[in-house]
Amino acid sequence: EMGIGNAGFAALFAAQADPSYELQELPNVRKIELSKGFIGYFRPVSCGGSCAPSNLWWKEDRVLYQIQLKLPYTVPENDQRKALVAAANSAILAGPR
């Protein structure tokens, strides 16, 4: 098996002020509950010609947050969701930096 070398993508955490779209407009997402009553939108790993990472988005005030994790497509969707929700809840509960 080949490794990903030293240029592989593993994860992303991003924030964007005043996004130009609403989260429910994102394709193939499922609504989930996060800490402090926030609502997140989850998309599992999807594979076509290549595999796209699993994603979780949520908005806090007017800021859009996104977490991506590159997980093998063999990881069950429920486990993908649990990993992303744990990371999002950690960020939400830690508060502003």
C-alpha atoms as a PDB file:
ATOM      1  CA  GLU A   1       0.000   0.000   0.000  1.00  0.00           C
ATOM      2  CA  MET A   2       1.293   3.443  -0.905  1.00  0.00           C
ATOM      3  CA  GLY A   3       1.443   6.144   1.733  1.00  0.00           C
ATOM      4  CA  ILE A   4       0.260   9.680   1.123  1.00  0.00           C
ATOM      5  CA  GLY A   5       3.792  11.014   1.395  1.00  0.00           C
ATOM      6  CA  ASN A   6       4.446  14.414   2.927  1.00  0.00           C
ATOM      7  CA  ALA A   7       1.844  16.336   0.888  1.00  0.00           C
ATOM      8  CA  GLY A   8      -1.374  14.556   1.877  1.00  0.00           C
ATOM      9  CA  PHE A   9      -4.524  16.327   3.065  1.00  0.00           C
ATOM     10  CA  ALA A  10      -5.764  15.227   6.496  1.00  0.00           C
ATOM     11  CA  ALA A  11      -8.106  17.893   7.896  1.00  0.00           C
ATOM     12  CA  LEU A  12      -9.376  21.458   7.579  1.00  0.00           C
ATOM     13  CA  PHE A  13     -10.936  23.900  10.022  1.00  0.00           C
ATOM     14  CA  ALA A  14     -12.120  27.137   8.418  1.00  0.00           C
ATOM     15  CA  ALA A  15     -14.220  30.189   9.282  1.00  0.00           C
ATOM     16  CA  GLN A  16     -15.860  32.669   6.923  1.00  0.00           C
ATOM     17  CA  ALA A  17     -17.681  35.873   7.888  1.00  0.00           C
ATOM     18  CA  ASP A  18     -21.028  36.606   6.235  1.00  0.00           C
ATOM     19  CA  PRO A  19     -21.194  33.667   3.796  1.00  0.00           C
ATOM     20  CA  SER A  20     -23.153  34.286   0.594  1.00  0.00           C
ATOM     21  CA  TYR A  21     -25.256  31.120   0.972  1.00  0.00           C
ATOM     22  CA  GLU A  22     -27.367  29.346   3.568  1.00  0.00           C
ATOM     23  CA  LEU A  23     -26.235  25.986   4.913  1.00  0.00           C
ATOM     24  CA  GLN A  24     -29.478  24.226   4.023  1.00  0.00           C
ATOM     25  CA  GLU A  25     -28.695  25.062   0.362  1.00  0.00           C
ATOM     26  CA  LEU A  26     -25.642  22.760   0.430  1.00  0.00           C
ATOM     27  CA  PRO A  27     -26.224  19.540  -1.539  1.00  0.00           C
ATOM     28  CA  ASN A  28     -26.421  16.125   0.140  1.00  0.00           C
ATOM     29  CA  VAL A  29     -26.317  17.357   3.748  1.00  0.00           C
ATOM     30  CA  ARG A  30     -28.054  16.089   6.864  1.00  0.00           C
ATOM     31  CA  LYS A  31     -29.105  18.408   9.684  1.00  0.00           C
ATOM     32  CA  ILE A  32     -27.642  17.529  13.112  1.00  0.00           C
ATOM     33  CA  GLU A  33     -27.677  19.041  16.601  1.00  0.00           C
ATOM     34  CA  LEU A  34     -24.509  20.488  18.129  1.00  0.00           C
ATOM     35  CA  SER A  35     -23.616  21.961  21.541  1.00  0.00           C
ATOM     36  CA  LYS A  36     -25.301  25.140  22.778  1.00  0.00           C
ATOM     37  CA  GLY A  37     -28.274  24.507  20.495  1.00  0.00           C
ATOM     38  CA  PHE A  38     -26.395  25.094  17.249  1.00  0.00           C
ATOM     39  CA  ILE A  39     -27.508  23.244  14.145  1.00  0.00           C
ATOM     40  CA  GLY A  40     -24.901  21.656  11.917  1.00  0.00           C
ATOM     41  CA  TYR A  41     -25.025  20.218   8.433  1.00  0.00           C
ATOM     42  CA  PHE A  42     -23.121  16.982   7.850  1.00  0.00           C
ATOM     43  CA  ARG A  43     -22.005  15.407   4.571  1.00  0.00           C
ATOM     44  CA  PRO A  44     -20.250  12.005   4.698  1.00  0.00           C
ATOM     45  CA  VAL A  45     -17.344  10.899   2.524  1.00  0.00           C
ATOM     46  CA  SER A  46     -18.536  10.680  -1.065  1.00  0.00           C
ATOM     47  CA  CYS A  47     -16.702   8.928  -3.857  1.00  0.00           C
ATOM     48  CA  GLY A  48     -16.976   9.356  -7.600  1.00  0.00           C
ATOM     49  CA  GLY A  49     -13.824   9.664  -9.699  1.00  0.00           C
ATOM     50  CA  SER A  50     -12.092  10.377  -6.381  1.00  0.00           C
ATOM     51  CA  CYS A  51     -13.291  10.658  -2.795  1.00  0.00           C
ATOM     52  CA  ALA A  52     -14.343  13.945  -1.170  1.00  0.00           C
ATOM     53  CA  PRO A  53     -13.733  14.318   2.582  1.00  0.00           C
ATOM     54  CA  SER A  54     -16.503  14.267   5.165  1.00  0.00           C
ATOM     55  CA  ASN A  55     -17.708  17.766   6.125  1.00  0.00           C
ATOM     56  CA  LEU A  56     -19.557  19.555   8.886  1.00  0.00           C
ATOM     57  CA  TRP A  57     -20.710  23.189   8.711  1.00  0.00           C
ATOM     58  CA  TRP A  58     -22.431  25.416  11.273  1.00  0.00           C
ATOM     59  CA  LYS A  59     -23.053  29.109  11.786  1.00  0.00           C
ATOM     60  CA  GLU A  60     -22.395  31.021  14.985  1.00  0.00           C
ATOM     61  CA  ASP A  61     -23.547  34.631  14.855  1.00  0.00           C
ATOM     62  CA  ARG A  62     -22.670  35.631  11.268  1.00  0.00           C
ATOM     63  CA  VAL A  63     -19.659  33.332  10.936  1.00  0.00           C
ATOM     64  CA  LEU A  64     -19.716  30.063   8.990  1.00  0.00           C
ATOM     65  CA  TYR A  65     -17.464  27.318  10.343  1.00  0.00           C
ATOM     66  CA  GLN A  66     -16.422  24.218   8.432  1.00  0.00           C
ATOM     67  CA  ILE A  67     -14.552  21.090   9.455  1.00  0.00           C
ATOM     68  CA  GLN A  68     -13.354  18.534   6.905  1.00  0.00           C
ATOM     69  CA  LEU A  69     -11.768  15.193   7.711  1.00  0.00           C
ATOM     70  CA  LYS A  70     -10.213  12.917   5.142  1.00  0.00           C
ATOM     71  CA  LEU A  71     -11.406   9.491   6.213  1.00  0.00           C
ATOM     72  CA  PRO A  72     -11.409   6.225   4.260  1.00  0.00           C
ATOM     73  CA  TYR A  73     -14.743   5.506   2.564  1.00  0.00           C
ATOM     74  CA  THR A  74     -14.801   2.289   4.621  1.00  0.00           C
ATOM     75  CA  VAL A  75     -15.379   4.262   7.858  1.00  0.00           C
ATOM     76  CA  PRO A  76     -19.093   3.917   8.707  1.00  0.00           C
ATOM     77  CA  GLU A  77     -21.083   7.106   8.204  1.00  0.00           C
ATOM     78  CA  ASN A  78     -22.151   7.147  11.864  1.00  0.00           C
ATOM     79  CA  ASP A  79     -18.488   7.098  12.954  1.00  0.00           C
ATOM     80  CA  GLN A  80     -17.657   9.921  10.519  1.00  0.00           C
ATOM     81  CA  ARG A  81     -20.489  12.000  11.972  1.00  0.00           C
ATOM     82  CA  LYS A  82     -19.396  11.287  15.566  1.00  0.00           C
ATOM     83  CA  ALA A  83     -15.802  12.401  14.836  1.00  0.00           C
ATOM     84  CA  LEU A  84     -16.906  15.644  13.180  1.00  0.00           C
ATOM     85  CA  VAL A  85     -19.508  16.422  15.852  1.00  0.00           C
ATOM     86  CA  ALA A  86     -16.912  15.869  18.612  1.00  0.00           C
ATOM     87  CA  ALA A  87     -14.514  18.304  16.903  1.00  0.00           C
ATOM     88  CA  ALA A  88     -17.258  20.900  16.311  1.00  0.00           C
ATOM     89  CA  ASN A  89     -18.584  20.661  19.884  1.00  0.00           C
ATOM     90  CA  SER A  90     -15.044  21.071  21.223  1.00  0.00           C
ATOM     91  CA  ALA A  91     -14.619  24.271  19.201  1.00  0.00           C
ATOM     92  CA  ILE A  92     -18.063  25.603  20.194  1.00  0.00           C
ATOM     93  CA  LEU A  93     -17.550  24.905  23.913  1.00  0.00           C
ATOM     94  CA  ALA A  94     -14.027  26.388  23.914  1.00  0.00           C
ATOM     95  CA  GLY A  95     -15.465  29.712  22.749  1.00  0.00           C
ATOM     96  CA  PRO A  96     -13.794  32.549  20.850  1.00  0.00           C
ATOM     97  CA  ARG A  97     -10.017  32.612  20.574  1.00  0.00           C
END
